[in-house]
């Protein structure tokens, strides 16, 4: 089974093809190489023009449940409440980053709620109870303190009900079900951000996770992507990330403040689709890089794979969304994430390095 897209390349082979000459042929996605990525995809012949999304509406501030404090200048400061939806390895690290900043910044309420899919540990204790008792996710991020202001909550609706900033960081395959549960349960002024790398492929075409959140919940959704190995960030090794936003720069700056630390530098880019597609397509390039490792073809070949792959990520992204910016691929979400993902397996399989 093959899925044809009208994309042309000057390369003698393509990562997004059968590795055959396509100097004058349409780009081909072959399920024999990338079946996981496109197993649900329809046979576009050719791909329809990129879907133009409606302009997101700026949320009207809702102060009924927002905590107010007085700033240094005597002005009332409206404090945002943050909930992290997800508590795996990356979700726990995100909660740690956020919790360290909410304690320092007047614009955020100290407490950070974290929705936890409840599990019973081998000790017989509930995971949420252990997190709240020890400030540590002993199953998914052992040995790392999240912060005493992180409150684990097994009730999804309760965790989000007072939040006006939602951070989604769960496996992408669960997002549609989570959003269905949250319809009508979130505040009218809520802003969301997705840290989820992946996309849904539906009969009408590709659906980005940020679009899924926006459409199902009727809220604005930004994205955060980058070369972010969670365990490295957890022990405060320097990393970068990219926030993709639509047209509200103030919201982007709020997300930057919420995540930025001396060891985690965040840069805003007005390109949601470009940033999010980078986080998805780099995995396809990494598969090819894995072939290189398995065949012991060497670093020169892997470097070529990464270069060609990045170029094709750009071309494919522009095919889906013409608004995607070239400069996005030079941010952490682009070239940096490609390098990290393509090289990560080498380091994991060789612990002596």
C-alpha atoms as a PDB file:
ATOM      1  CA  UNK A   1       0.000   0.000   0.000  1.00  0.00           C
ATOM      2  CA  UNK A   2       1.359   3.419  -0.956  1.00  0.00           C
ATOM      3  CA  UNK A   3       0.179   6.955  -0.358  1.00  0.00           C
ATOM      4  CA  UNK A   4       1.132   9.494  -2.993  1.00  0.00           C
ATOM      5  CA  UNK A   5       1.789  13.167  -2.324  1.00  0.00           C
ATOM      6  CA  UNK A   6       2.632  15.706  -5.078  1.00  0.00           C
ATOM      7  CA  UNK A   7       6.047  16.729  -3.743  1.00  0.00           C
ATOM      8  CA  UNK A   8       9.156  16.932  -5.896  1.00  0.00           C
ATOM      9  CA  UNK A   9      12.769  16.502  -4.834  1.00  0.00           C
ATOM     10  CA  UNK A  10      16.130  17.045  -6.490  1.00  0.00           C
ATOM     11  CA  UNK A  11      17.631  14.311  -4.318  1.00  0.00           C
ATOM     12  CA  UNK A  12      18.478  10.913  -5.740  1.00  0.00           C
ATOM     13  CA  UNK A  13      16.528   9.349  -2.894  1.00  0.00           C
ATOM     14  CA  UNK A  14      14.072  10.407  -0.271  1.00  0.00           C
ATOM     15  CA  UNK A  15      13.568   9.514   3.367  1.00  0.00           C
ATOM     16  CA  UNK A  16       9.856   9.940   2.758  1.00  0.00           C
ATOM     17  CA  UNK A  17       9.886   7.493  -0.166  1.00  0.00           C
ATOM     18  CA  UNK A  18      11.023   4.045  -1.214  1.00  0.00           C
ATOM     19  CA  UNK A  19      14.617   5.341  -1.528  1.00  0.00           C
ATOM     20  CA  UNK A  20      14.275   5.454  -5.300  1.00  0.00           C
ATOM     21  CA  UNK A  21      14.995   8.229  -7.741  1.00  0.00           C
ATOM     22  CA  UNK A  22      12.206  10.783  -7.630  1.00  0.00           C
ATOM     23  CA  UNK A  23      13.742  13.698  -9.467  1.00  0.00           C
ATOM     24  CA  UNK A  24      10.547  13.978 -11.488  1.00  0.00           C
ATOM     25  CA  UNK A  25       8.158  11.756  -9.556  1.00  0.00           C
ATOM     26  CA  UNK A  26       5.729  12.460  -6.721  1.00  0.00           C
ATOM     27  CA  UNK A  27       6.960  11.828  -3.220  1.00  0.00           C
ATOM     28  CA  UNK A  28       5.821   8.430  -1.986  1.00  0.00           C
ATOM     29  CA  UNK A  29       5.190   7.344   1.580  1.00  0.00           C
ATOM     30  CA  UNK A  30       5.681   3.578   1.685  1.00  0.00           C
ATOM     31  CA  UNK A  31       3.918   1.637   4.419  1.00  0.00           C
ATOM     32  CA  UNK A  32       6.641  -0.994   4.188  1.00  0.00           C
ATOM     33  CA  UNK A  33       9.002   1.494   5.825  1.00  0.00           C
ATOM     34  CA  UNK A  34       6.780   3.692   7.891  1.00  0.00           C
ATOM     35  CA  UNK A  35       3.665   1.629   8.582  1.00  0.00           C
ATOM     36  CA  UNK A  36       3.345   2.844  12.153  1.00  0.00           C
ATOM     37  CA  UNK A  37       3.269   6.474  11.087  1.00  0.00           C
ATOM     38  CA  UNK A  38       0.670   6.085   8.338  1.00  0.00           C
ATOM     39  CA  UNK A  39      -1.222   2.905   9.169  1.00  0.00           C
ATOM     40  CA  UNK A  40      -4.497   4.817   9.398  1.00  0.00           C
ATOM     41  CA  UNK A  41      -3.856   7.203   6.512  1.00  0.00           C
ATOM     42  CA  UNK A  42      -6.247   7.534   3.552  1.00  0.00           C
ATOM     43  CA  UNK A  43      -4.926   7.327   0.004  1.00  0.00           C
ATOM     44  CA  UNK A  44      -4.716  11.004  -0.898  1.00  0.00           C
ATOM     45  CA  UNK A  45      -4.412  11.384  -4.699  1.00  0.00           C
ATOM     46  CA  UNK A  46      -3.295  14.152  -4.496  1.00  0.00           C
ATOM     47  CA  UNK A  47      -3.399  15.742  -1.056  1.00  0.00           C
ATOM     48  CA  UNK A  48      -6.110  18.350  -0.816  1.00  0.00           C
ATOM     49  CA  UNK A  49      -5.066  21.965  -0.150  1.00  0.00           C
ATOM     50  CA  UNK A  50      -4.055  22.662   3.456  1.00  0.00           C
ATOM     51  CA  UNK A  51      -7.018  23.161   5.722  1.00  0.00           C
ATOM     52  CA  UNK A  52      -7.304  26.805   6.738  1.00  0.00           C
ATOM     53  CA  UNK A  53      -8.228  27.013  10.375  1.00  0.00           C
ATOM     54  CA  UNK A  54     -10.507  29.653  11.749  1.00  0.00           C
ATOM     55  CA  UNK A  55      -8.738  32.458  13.548  1.00  0.00           C
ATOM     56  CA  UNK A  56      -8.607  31.600  17.263  1.00  0.00           C
ATOM     57  CA  UNK A  57     -10.493  34.047  19.414  1.00  0.00           C
ATOM     58  CA  UNK A  58      -8.736  35.698  22.289  1.00  0.00           C
ATOM     59  CA  UNK A  59     -10.289  34.447  25.495  1.00  0.00           C
ATOM     60  CA  UNK A  60     -12.139  36.949  27.621  1.00  0.00           C
ATOM     61  CA  UNK A  61     -10.526  37.196  31.064  1.00  0.00           C
ATOM     62  CA  UNK A  62     -12.615  35.497  33.716  1.00  0.00           C
ATOM     63  CA  UNK A  63     -11.751  36.613  37.221  1.00  0.00           C
ATOM     64  CA  UNK A  64     -14.387  34.898  39.332  1.00  0.00           C
ATOM     65  CA  UNK A  65     -12.090  32.049  40.374  1.00  0.00           C
ATOM     66  CA  UNK A  66      -8.742  33.710  39.771  1.00  0.00           C
ATOM     67  CA  UNK A  67      -6.600  34.552  42.785  1.00  0.00           C
ATOM     68  CA  UNK A  68      -5.629  38.221  42.985  1.00  0.00           C
ATOM     69  CA  UNK A  69      -2.559  39.607  44.744  1.00  0.00           C
ATOM     70  CA  UNK A  70      -0.964  43.010  44.886  1.00  0.00           C
ATOM     71  CA  UNK A  71       2.274  43.486  42.974  1.00  0.00           C
ATOM     72  CA  UNK A  72       5.223  45.657  43.950  1.00  0.00           C
ATOM     73  CA  UNK A  73       3.616  48.681  42.294  1.00  0.00           C
ATOM     74  CA  UNK A  74       0.389  48.288  44.259  1.00  0.00           C
ATOM     75  CA  UNK A  75      -1.564  47.063  41.227  1.00  0.00           C
ATOM     76  CA  UNK A  76      -3.788  44.002  41.436  1.00  0.00           C
ATOM     77  CA  UNK A  77      -2.087  40.981  39.870  1.00  0.00           C
ATOM     78  CA  UNK A  78      -4.346  38.260  38.493  1.00  0.00           C
ATOM     79  CA  UNK A  79      -2.786  34.881  39.295  1.00  0.00           C
ATOM     80  CA  UNK A  80      -3.191  32.047  36.822  1.00  0.00           C
ATOM     81  CA  UNK A  81      -3.780  28.494  38.010  1.00  0.00           C
ATOM     82  CA  UNK A  82      -1.889  25.758  36.172  1.00  0.00           C
ATOM     83  CA  UNK A  83      -2.811  22.105  35.686  1.00  0.00           C
ATOM     84  CA  UNK A  84      -0.585  19.518  34.021  1.00  0.00           C
ATOM     85  CA  UNK A  85      -2.658  16.846  32.274  1.00  0.00           C
ATOM     86  CA  UNK A  86      -0.348  13.841  32.363  1.00  0.00           C
ATOM     87  CA  UNK A  87       2.161  12.416  34.808  1.00  0.00           C
ATOM     88  CA  UNK A  88       4.547  10.187  32.913  1.00  0.00           C
ATOM     89  CA  UNK A  89       8.267  10.803  32.587  1.00  0.00           C
ATOM     90  CA  UNK A  90       7.974  14.021  30.536  1.00  0.00           C
ATOM     91  CA  UNK A  91       4.806  15.147  32.306  1.00  0.00           C
ATOM     92  CA  UNK A  92       6.516  14.892  35.688  1.00  0.00           C
ATOM     93  CA  UNK A  93       9.518  16.856  34.424  1.00  0.00           C
ATOM     94  CA  UNK A  94       7.174  19.517  33.036  1.00  0.00           C
ATOM     95  CA  UNK A  95       5.462  19.750  36.430  1.00  0.00           C
ATOM     96  CA  UNK A  96       8.862  20.168  38.099  1.00  0.00           C
ATOM     97  CA  UNK A  97       9.808  23.028  35.752  1.00  0.00           C
ATOM     98  CA  UNK A  98       6.464  24.750  36.195  1.00  0.00           C
ATOM     99  CA  UNK A  99       6.360  24.320  39.971  1.00  0.00           C
ATOM    100  CA  UNK A 100       9.744  25.972  40.399  1.00  0.00           C
ATOM    101  CA  UNK A 101       8.484  29.036  38.532  1.00  0.00           C
ATOM    102  CA  UNK A 102       5.019  29.393  40.050  1.00  0.00           C
ATOM    103  CA  UNK A 103       6.662  29.869  43.447  1.00  0.00           C
ATOM    104  CA  UNK A 104       8.747  32.757  42.103  1.00  0.00           C
ATOM    105  CA  UNK A 105       6.351  34.616  39.814  1.00  0.00           C
ATOM    106  CA  UNK A 106       3.474  36.806  40.983  1.00  0.00           C
ATOM    107  CA  UNK A 107       1.421  36.026  37.885  1.00  0.00           C
ATOM    108  CA  UNK A 108       0.895  32.367  38.864  1.00  0.00           C
ATOM    109  CA  UNK A 109      -0.791  30.637  41.770  1.00  0.00           C
ATOM    110  CA  UNK A 110       1.768  28.624  43.760  1.00  0.00           C
ATOM    111  CA  UNK A 111      -0.065  25.308  43.519  1.00  0.00           C
ATOM    112  CA  UNK A 112       0.356  23.169  40.393  1.00  0.00           C
ATOM    113  CA  UNK A 113      -2.198  20.413  39.873  1.00  0.00           C
ATOM    114  CA  UNK A 114      -1.060  17.288  38.022  1.00  0.00           C
ATOM    115  CA  UNK A 115      -3.593  14.797  36.743  1.00  0.00           C
ATOM    116  CA  UNK A 116      -2.384  11.253  37.405  1.00  0.00           C
ATOM    117  CA  UNK A 117      -3.881   8.160  35.825  1.00  0.00           C
ATOM    118  CA  UNK A 118      -4.282   6.235  39.051  1.00  0.00           C
ATOM    119  CA  UNK A 119      -2.198   3.105  39.498  1.00  0.00           C
ATOM    120  CA  UNK A 120      -1.584   0.759  42.393  1.00  0.00           C
ATOM    121  CA  UNK A 121       2.098   0.219  43.100  1.00  0.00           C
ATOM    122  CA  UNK A 122       3.633  -3.104  44.123  1.00  0.00           C
ATOM    123  CA  UNK A 123       3.580  -1.853  47.704  1.00  0.00           C
ATOM    124  CA  UNK A 124      -0.207  -1.621  47.512  1.00  0.00           C
ATOM    125  CA  UNK A 125      -0.119   2.185  47.719  1.00  0.00           C
ATOM    126  CA  UNK A 126      -1.836   4.461  45.223  1.00  0.00           C
ATOM    127  CA  UNK A 127       0.549   6.380  42.973  1.00  0.00           C
ATOM    128  CA  UNK A 128      -1.156   9.718  43.710  1.00  0.00           C
ATOM    129  CA  UNK A 129      -0.818   9.160  47.453  1.00  0.00           C
ATOM    130  CA  UNK A 130       2.892   8.430  47.110  1.00  0.00           C
ATOM    131  CA  UNK A 131       3.467  11.502  44.930  1.00  0.00           C
ATOM    132  CA  UNK A 132       1.656  13.768  47.388  1.00  0.00           C
ATOM    133  CA  UNK A 133       3.474  12.235  50.347  1.00  0.00           C
ATOM    134  CA  UNK A 134       7.007  12.195  48.905  1.00  0.00           C
ATOM    135  CA  UNK A 135       6.858  14.915  46.181  1.00  0.00           C
ATOM    136  CA  UNK A 136       8.241  12.260  43.846  1.00  0.00           C
ATOM    137  CA  UNK A 137       6.800  10.215  40.985  1.00  0.00           C
ATOM    138  CA  UNK A 138       8.428   6.968  42.091  1.00  0.00           C
ATOM    139  CA  UNK A 139       7.228   5.058  39.019  1.00  0.00           C
ATOM    140  CA  UNK A 140       7.974   7.405  36.131  1.00  0.00           C
ATOM    141  CA  UNK A 141      10.602   9.801  37.517  1.00  0.00           C
ATOM    142  CA  UNK A 142      12.225   8.144  40.535  1.00  0.00           C
ATOM    143  CA  UNK A 143      14.779  10.059  42.552  1.00  0.00           C
ATOM    144  CA  UNK A 144      13.598  13.514  41.432  1.00  0.00           C
ATOM    145  CA  UNK A 145      11.650  15.874  43.695  1.00  0.00           C
ATOM    146  CA  UNK A 146       8.825  17.584  41.834  1.00  0.00           C
ATOM    147  CA  UNK A 147       8.265  20.333  44.381  1.00  0.00           C
ATOM    148  CA  UNK A 148       5.997  20.488  47.398  1.00  0.00           C
ATOM    149  CA  UNK A 149       3.563  22.676  45.469  1.00  0.00           C
ATOM    150  CA  UNK A 150       2.798  19.888  42.950  1.00  0.00           C
ATOM    151  CA  UNK A 151      -0.489  18.215  43.898  1.00  0.00           C
ATOM    152  CA  UNK A 152      -1.310  14.894  42.231  1.00  0.00           C
ATOM    153  CA  UNK A 153      -5.009  14.416  41.470  1.00  0.00           C
ATOM    154  CA  UNK A 154      -6.525  11.198  40.039  1.00  0.00           C
ATOM    155  CA  UNK A 155      -9.781  12.980  39.113  1.00  0.00           C
ATOM    156  CA  UNK A 156      -9.339  14.579  35.684  1.00  0.00           C
ATOM    157  CA  UNK A 157     -12.353  16.868  35.885  1.00  0.00           C
ATOM    158  CA  UNK A 158     -11.439  18.058  39.369  1.00  0.00           C
ATOM    159  CA  UNK A 159      -7.829  18.662  38.358  1.00  0.00           C
ATOM    160  CA  UNK A 160      -8.768  21.042  35.529  1.00  0.00           C
ATOM    161  CA  UNK A 161     -11.876  22.770  36.879  1.00  0.00           C
ATOM    162  CA  UNK A 162     -10.156  25.858  38.331  1.00  0.00           C
ATOM    163  CA  UNK A 163      -7.229  26.058  35.913  1.00  0.00           C
ATOM    164  CA  UNK A 164      -6.872  28.749  33.307  1.00  0.00           C
ATOM    165  CA  UNK A 165      -3.618  27.295  31.950  1.00  0.00           C
ATOM    166  CA  UNK A 166      -3.643  23.638  30.872  1.00  0.00           C
ATOM    167  CA  UNK A 167      -0.482  21.735  29.947  1.00  0.00           C
ATOM    168  CA  UNK A 168      -1.225  18.564  27.969  1.00  0.00           C
ATOM    169  CA  UNK A 169       1.502  15.912  28.077  1.00  0.00           C
ATOM    170  CA  UNK A 170       0.054  12.435  27.565  1.00  0.00           C
ATOM    171  CA  UNK A 171       0.550   9.782  24.851  1.00  0.00           C
ATOM    172  CA  UNK A 172      -1.095  11.126  21.697  1.00  0.00           C
ATOM    173  CA  UNK A 173      -3.371   8.099  21.250  1.00  0.00           C
ATOM    174  CA  UNK A 174      -5.261   8.982  24.440  1.00  0.00           C
ATOM    175  CA  UNK A 175      -5.897  12.640  23.644  1.00  0.00           C
ATOM    176  CA  UNK A 176      -9.220  12.283  21.858  1.00  0.00           C
ATOM    177  CA  UNK A 177     -10.699  10.391  24.799  1.00  0.00           C
ATOM    178  CA  UNK A 178      -9.291  12.895  27.286  1.00  0.00           C
ATOM    179  CA  UNK A 179     -10.712  15.825  25.332  1.00  0.00           C
ATOM    180  CA  UNK A 180     -14.119  14.135  25.159  1.00  0.00           C
ATOM    181  CA  UNK A 181     -14.117  13.904  28.952  1.00  0.00           C
ATOM    182  CA  UNK A 182     -13.214  17.578  29.291  1.00  0.00           C
ATOM    183  CA  UNK A 183     -15.879  19.041  26.997  1.00  0.00           C
ATOM    184  CA  UNK A 184     -17.799  21.589  29.070  1.00  0.00           C
ATOM    185  CA  UNK A 185     -15.540  20.989  32.091  1.00  0.00           C
ATOM    186  CA  UNK A 186     -12.886  23.658  31.495  1.00  0.00           C
ATOM    187  CA  UNK A 187     -13.083  27.389  32.132  1.00  0.00           C
ATOM    188  CA  UNK A 188     -14.042  29.762  29.367  1.00  0.00           C
ATOM    189  CA  UNK A 189     -10.784  31.713  29.589  1.00  0.00           C
ATOM    190  CA  UNK A 190      -8.451  28.710  29.620  1.00  0.00           C
ATOM    191  CA  UNK A 191      -5.283  28.638  27.514  1.00  0.00           C
ATOM    192  CA  UNK A 192      -3.708  25.315  26.592  1.00  0.00           C
ATOM    193  CA  UNK A 193      -0.316  24.104  25.452  1.00  0.00           C
ATOM    194  CA  UNK A 194       0.558  20.687  24.046  1.00  0.00           C
ATOM    195  CA  UNK A 195       3.885  18.975  24.732  1.00  0.00           C
ATOM    196  CA  UNK A 196       2.728  15.922  22.772  1.00  0.00           C
ATOM    197  CA  UNK A 197       4.783  14.802  19.779  1.00  0.00           C
ATOM    198  CA  UNK A 198       2.579  13.031  17.281  1.00  0.00           C
ATOM    199  CA  UNK A 199      -0.455  13.492  15.079  1.00  0.00           C
ATOM    200  CA  UNK A 200      -3.764  11.832  14.290  1.00  0.00           C
ATOM    201  CA  UNK A 201      -4.421  10.661  10.742  1.00  0.00           C
ATOM    202  CA  UNK A 202      -8.131  10.764   9.941  1.00  0.00           C
ATOM    203  CA  UNK A 203     -10.080  10.112   6.755  1.00  0.00           C
ATOM    204  CA  UNK A 204     -10.254  13.832   6.021  1.00  0.00           C
ATOM    205  CA  UNK A 205      -6.494  14.215   6.471  1.00  0.00           C
ATOM    206  CA  UNK A 206      -3.825  14.769   9.133  1.00  0.00           C
ATOM    207  CA  UNK A 207      -4.970  16.311  12.415  1.00  0.00           C
ATOM    208  CA  UNK A 208      -2.430  17.960  14.693  1.00  0.00           C
ATOM    209  CA  UNK A 209      -2.872  17.409  18.427  1.00  0.00           C
ATOM    210  CA  UNK A 210      -3.117  21.168  19.033  1.00  0.00           C
ATOM    211  CA  UNK A 211      -6.000  21.322  16.540  1.00  0.00           C
ATOM    212  CA  UNK A 212      -7.698  18.376  18.223  1.00  0.00           C
ATOM    213  CA  UNK A 213      -7.551  20.180  21.570  1.00  0.00           C
ATOM    214  CA  UNK A 214      -8.696  23.493  20.089  1.00  0.00           C
ATOM    215  CA  UNK A 215     -11.596  22.030  18.130  1.00  0.00           C
ATOM    216  CA  UNK A 216     -12.933  19.691  20.808  1.00  0.00           C
ATOM    217  CA  UNK A 217     -12.615  22.088  23.736  1.00  0.00           C
ATOM    218  CA  UNK A 218     -13.090  25.393  21.898  1.00  0.00           C
ATOM    219  CA  UNK A 219      -9.885  26.873  23.326  1.00  0.00           C
ATOM    220  CA  UNK A 220      -6.617  28.251  22.003  1.00  0.00           C
ATOM    221  CA  UNK A 221      -3.719  25.792  22.077  1.00  0.00           C
ATOM    222  CA  UNK A 222      -0.007  26.526  21.694  1.00  0.00           C
ATOM    223  CA  UNK A 223       2.734  23.882  21.507  1.00  0.00           C
ATOM    224  CA  UNK A 224       6.133  23.276  23.113  1.00  0.00           C
ATOM    225  CA  UNK A 225       8.634  21.064  21.279  1.00  0.00           C
ATOM    226  CA  UNK A 226      12.390  20.645  21.185  1.00  0.00           C
ATOM    227  CA  UNK A 227      15.416  18.495  21.864  1.00  0.00           C
ATOM    228  CA  UNK A 228      14.066  17.499  25.250  1.00  0.00           C
ATOM    229  CA  UNK A 229      15.216  14.199  26.734  1.00  0.00           C
ATOM    230  CA  UNK A 230      13.192  14.264  29.936  1.00  0.00           C
ATOM    231  CA  UNK A 231      15.706  12.551  32.218  1.00  0.00           C
ATOM    232  CA  UNK A 232      18.409  15.060  31.267  1.00  0.00           C
ATOM    233  CA  UNK A 233      16.148  18.016  32.024  1.00  0.00           C
ATOM    234  CA  UNK A 234      15.127  16.388  35.306  1.00  0.00           C
ATOM    235  CA  UNK A 235      18.732  16.531  36.540  1.00  0.00           C
ATOM    236  CA  UNK A 236      19.009  20.111  35.243  1.00  0.00           C
ATOM    237  CA  UNK A 237      21.306  19.608  32.269  1.00  0.00           C
ATOM    238  CA  UNK A 238      20.973  22.559  29.896  1.00  0.00           C
ATOM    239  CA  UNK A 239      18.302  22.199  27.205  1.00  0.00           C
ATOM    240  CA  UNK A 240      16.303  24.388  24.830  1.00  0.00           C
ATOM    241  CA  UNK A 241      12.701  24.276  23.662  1.00  0.00           C
ATOM    242  CA  UNK A 242      10.455  26.126  21.224  1.00  0.00           C
ATOM    243  CA  UNK A 243       6.971  27.451  21.980  1.00  0.00           C
ATOM    244  CA  UNK A 244       4.807  27.697  18.883  1.00  0.00           C
ATOM    245  CA  UNK A 245       1.934  30.170  19.160  1.00  0.00           C
ATOM    246  CA  UNK A 246      -0.676  31.608  16.808  1.00  0.00           C
ATOM    247  CA  UNK A 247      -1.147  35.350  17.125  1.00  0.00           C
ATOM    248  CA  UNK A 248      -1.260  36.233  20.816  1.00  0.00           C
ATOM    249  CA  UNK A 249       2.278  37.169  21.787  1.00  0.00           C
ATOM    250  CA  UNK A 250       1.280  37.865  25.394  1.00  0.00           C
ATOM    251  CA  UNK A 251       0.097  34.290  25.845  1.00  0.00           C
ATOM    252  CA  UNK A 252       3.345  33.016  24.321  1.00  0.00           C
ATOM    253  CA  UNK A 253       5.325  35.093  26.801  1.00  0.00           C
ATOM    254  CA  UNK A 254       3.297  33.621  29.657  1.00  0.00           C
ATOM    255  CA  UNK A 255       4.227  30.118  28.516  1.00  0.00           C
ATOM    256  CA  UNK A 256       7.867  31.128  28.198  1.00  0.00           C
ATOM    257  CA  UNK A 257       7.836  32.473  31.770  1.00  0.00           C
ATOM    258  CA  UNK A 258       6.124  29.348  33.043  1.00  0.00           C
ATOM    259  CA  UNK A 259       8.702  26.934  31.594  1.00  0.00           C
ATOM    260  CA  UNK A 260      11.962  28.898  31.492  1.00  0.00           C
ATOM    261  CA  UNK A 261      14.702  28.176  34.013  1.00  0.00           C
ATOM    262  CA  UNK A 262      18.477  28.763  33.954  1.00  0.00           C
ATOM    263  CA  UNK A 263      18.857  25.243  32.518  1.00  0.00           C
ATOM    264  CA  UNK A 264      15.779  25.224  30.241  1.00  0.00           C
ATOM    265  CA  UNK A 265      15.704  28.051  27.703  1.00  0.00           C
ATOM    266  CA  UNK A 266      12.452  28.576  25.804  1.00  0.00           C
ATOM    267  CA  UNK A 267      12.051  30.590  22.593  1.00  0.00           C
ATOM    268  CA  UNK A 268       8.648  31.651  21.165  1.00  0.00           C
ATOM    269  CA  UNK A 269       7.903  31.252  17.446  1.00  0.00           C
ATOM    270  CA  UNK A 270       4.684  32.331  15.719  1.00  0.00           C
ATOM    271  CA  UNK A 271       4.242  29.031  13.883  1.00  0.00           C
ATOM    272  CA  UNK A 272       2.176  26.390  15.692  1.00  0.00           C
ATOM    273  CA  UNK A 273       1.959  23.981  12.760  1.00  0.00           C
ATOM    274  CA  UNK A 274       5.660  24.215  11.908  1.00  0.00           C
ATOM    275  CA  UNK A 275       6.795  23.629  15.486  1.00  0.00           C
ATOM    276  CA  UNK A 276       4.370  20.750  15.980  1.00  0.00           C
ATOM    277  CA  UNK A 277       5.183  19.038  12.682  1.00  0.00           C
ATOM    278  CA  UNK A 278       8.877  19.144  13.555  1.00  0.00           C
ATOM    279  CA  UNK A 279       8.095  17.194  16.710  1.00  0.00           C
ATOM    280  CA  UNK A 280       6.227  14.597  14.662  1.00  0.00           C
ATOM    281  CA  UNK A 281       8.261  14.171  11.484  1.00  0.00           C
ATOM    282  CA  UNK A 282      11.658  13.953  13.169  1.00  0.00           C
ATOM    283  CA  UNK A 283      10.659  10.463  14.280  1.00  0.00           C
ATOM    284  CA  UNK A 284      10.461   9.348  10.642  1.00  0.00           C
ATOM    285  CA  UNK A 285      13.998  10.612  10.078  1.00  0.00           C
ATOM    286  CA  UNK A 286      15.103   8.805  13.241  1.00  0.00           C
ATOM    287  CA  UNK A 287      13.820   5.504  11.815  1.00  0.00           C
ATOM    288  CA  UNK A 288      16.133   5.950   8.841  1.00  0.00           C
ATOM    289  CA  UNK A 289      18.976   6.856  11.205  1.00  0.00           C
ATOM    290  CA  UNK A 290      18.254   3.628  13.068  1.00  0.00           C
ATOM    291  CA  UNK A 291      18.667   1.700   9.820  1.00  0.00           C
ATOM    292  CA  UNK A 292      22.093   3.295   9.475  1.00  0.00           C
ATOM    293  CA  UNK A 293      23.054   2.155  12.975  1.00  0.00           C
ATOM    294  CA  UNK A 294      21.778  -1.361  12.372  1.00  0.00           C
ATOM    295  CA  UNK A 295      23.630  -1.690   9.076  1.00  0.00           C
ATOM    296  CA  UNK A 296      26.772  -0.109  10.566  1.00  0.00           C
ATOM    297  CA  UNK A 297      26.956   2.370   7.692  1.00  0.00           C
ATOM    298  CA  UNK A 298      28.797   4.996   9.735  1.00  0.00           C
ATOM    299  CA  UNK A 299      28.465   8.597  10.849  1.00  0.00           C
ATOM    300  CA  UNK A 300      28.866  10.142   7.399  1.00  0.00           C
ATOM    301  CA  UNK A 301      25.776   8.300   6.211  1.00  0.00           C
ATOM    302  CA  UNK A 302      23.867   9.248   9.335  1.00  0.00           C
ATOM    303  CA  UNK A 303      24.788  12.907   8.830  1.00  0.00           C
ATOM    304  CA  UNK A 304      23.460  12.697   5.274  1.00  0.00           C
ATOM    305  CA  UNK A 305      20.245  11.111   6.535  1.00  0.00           C
ATOM    306  CA  UNK A 306      19.756  13.939   9.025  1.00  0.00           C
ATOM    307  CA  UNK A 307      20.441  16.661   6.440  1.00  0.00           C
ATOM    308  CA  UNK A 308      18.177  15.167   3.790  1.00  0.00           C
ATOM    309  CA  UNK A 309      15.566  14.353   6.411  1.00  0.00           C
ATOM    310  CA  UNK A 310      15.449  17.914   7.714  1.00  0.00           C
ATOM    311  CA  UNK A 311      15.020  19.225   4.178  1.00  0.00           C
ATOM    312  CA  UNK A 312      12.165  16.813   3.539  1.00  0.00           C
ATOM    313  CA  UNK A 313      10.544  17.667   6.870  1.00  0.00           C
ATOM    314  CA  UNK A 314      10.444  21.258   5.685  1.00  0.00           C
ATOM    315  CA  UNK A 315       9.015  20.348   2.269  1.00  0.00           C
ATOM    316  CA  UNK A 316       6.391  17.996   3.677  1.00  0.00           C
ATOM    317  CA  UNK A 317       5.339  20.501   6.357  1.00  0.00           C
ATOM    318  CA  UNK A 318       4.845  23.203   3.738  1.00  0.00           C
ATOM    319  CA  UNK A 319       2.797  20.766   1.677  1.00  0.00           C
ATOM    320  CA  UNK A 320       0.397  20.312   4.581  1.00  0.00           C
ATOM    321  CA  UNK A 321       0.442  23.913   5.852  1.00  0.00           C
ATOM    322  CA  UNK A 322       1.669  26.665   3.547  1.00  0.00           C
ATOM    323  CA  UNK A 323       2.060  29.016   6.534  1.00  0.00           C
ATOM    324  CA  UNK A 324       4.987  27.013   7.961  1.00  0.00           C
ATOM    325  CA  UNK A 325       8.115  29.176   8.270  1.00  0.00           C
ATOM    326  CA  UNK A 326      11.572  28.142   7.072  1.00  0.00           C
ATOM    327  CA  UNK A 327      13.198  29.650  10.162  1.00  0.00           C
ATOM    328  CA  UNK A 328      11.277  27.261  12.427  1.00  0.00           C
ATOM    329  CA  UNK A 329      13.486  24.384  11.296  1.00  0.00           C
ATOM    330  CA  UNK A 330      16.537  26.124  12.743  1.00  0.00           C
ATOM    331  CA  UNK A 331      14.983  26.281  16.218  1.00  0.00           C
ATOM    332  CA  UNK A 332      15.286  23.625  18.923  1.00  0.00           C
ATOM    333  CA  UNK A 333      12.097  21.975  17.660  1.00  0.00           C
ATOM    334  CA  UNK A 334      13.739  21.460  14.261  1.00  0.00           C
ATOM    335  CA  UNK A 335      17.393  20.708  13.646  1.00  0.00           C
ATOM    336  CA  UNK A 336      18.219  20.220  17.337  1.00  0.00           C
ATOM    337  CA  UNK A 337      15.459  17.660  17.882  1.00  0.00           C
ATOM    338  CA  UNK A 338      16.435  15.807  14.703  1.00  0.00           C
ATOM    339  CA  UNK A 339      20.036  15.514  15.896  1.00  0.00           C
ATOM    340  CA  UNK A 340      19.060  14.440  19.411  1.00  0.00           C
ATOM    341  CA  UNK A 341      16.524  11.846  18.268  1.00  0.00           C
ATOM    342  CA  UNK A 342      18.773  10.378  15.587  1.00  0.00           C
ATOM    343  CA  UNK A 343      21.729  10.083  17.966  1.00  0.00           C
ATOM    344  CA  UNK A 344      19.851   9.149  21.145  1.00  0.00           C
ATOM    345  CA  UNK A 345      19.563   5.446  20.287  1.00  0.00           C
ATOM    346  CA  UNK A 346      23.333   5.230  19.861  1.00  0.00           C
ATOM    347  CA  UNK A 347      23.957   6.540  23.352  1.00  0.00           C
ATOM    348  CA  UNK A 348      21.261   4.387  24.884  1.00  0.00           C
ATOM    349  CA  UNK A 349      22.659   1.212  23.318  1.00  0.00           C
ATOM    350  CA  UNK A 350      26.212   2.098  24.324  1.00  0.00           C
ATOM    351  CA  UNK A 351      26.102   2.930  28.043  1.00  0.00           C
ATOM    352  CA  UNK A 352      29.882   3.271  28.260  1.00  0.00           C
ATOM    353  CA  UNK A 353      29.799   6.479  26.179  1.00  0.00           C
END
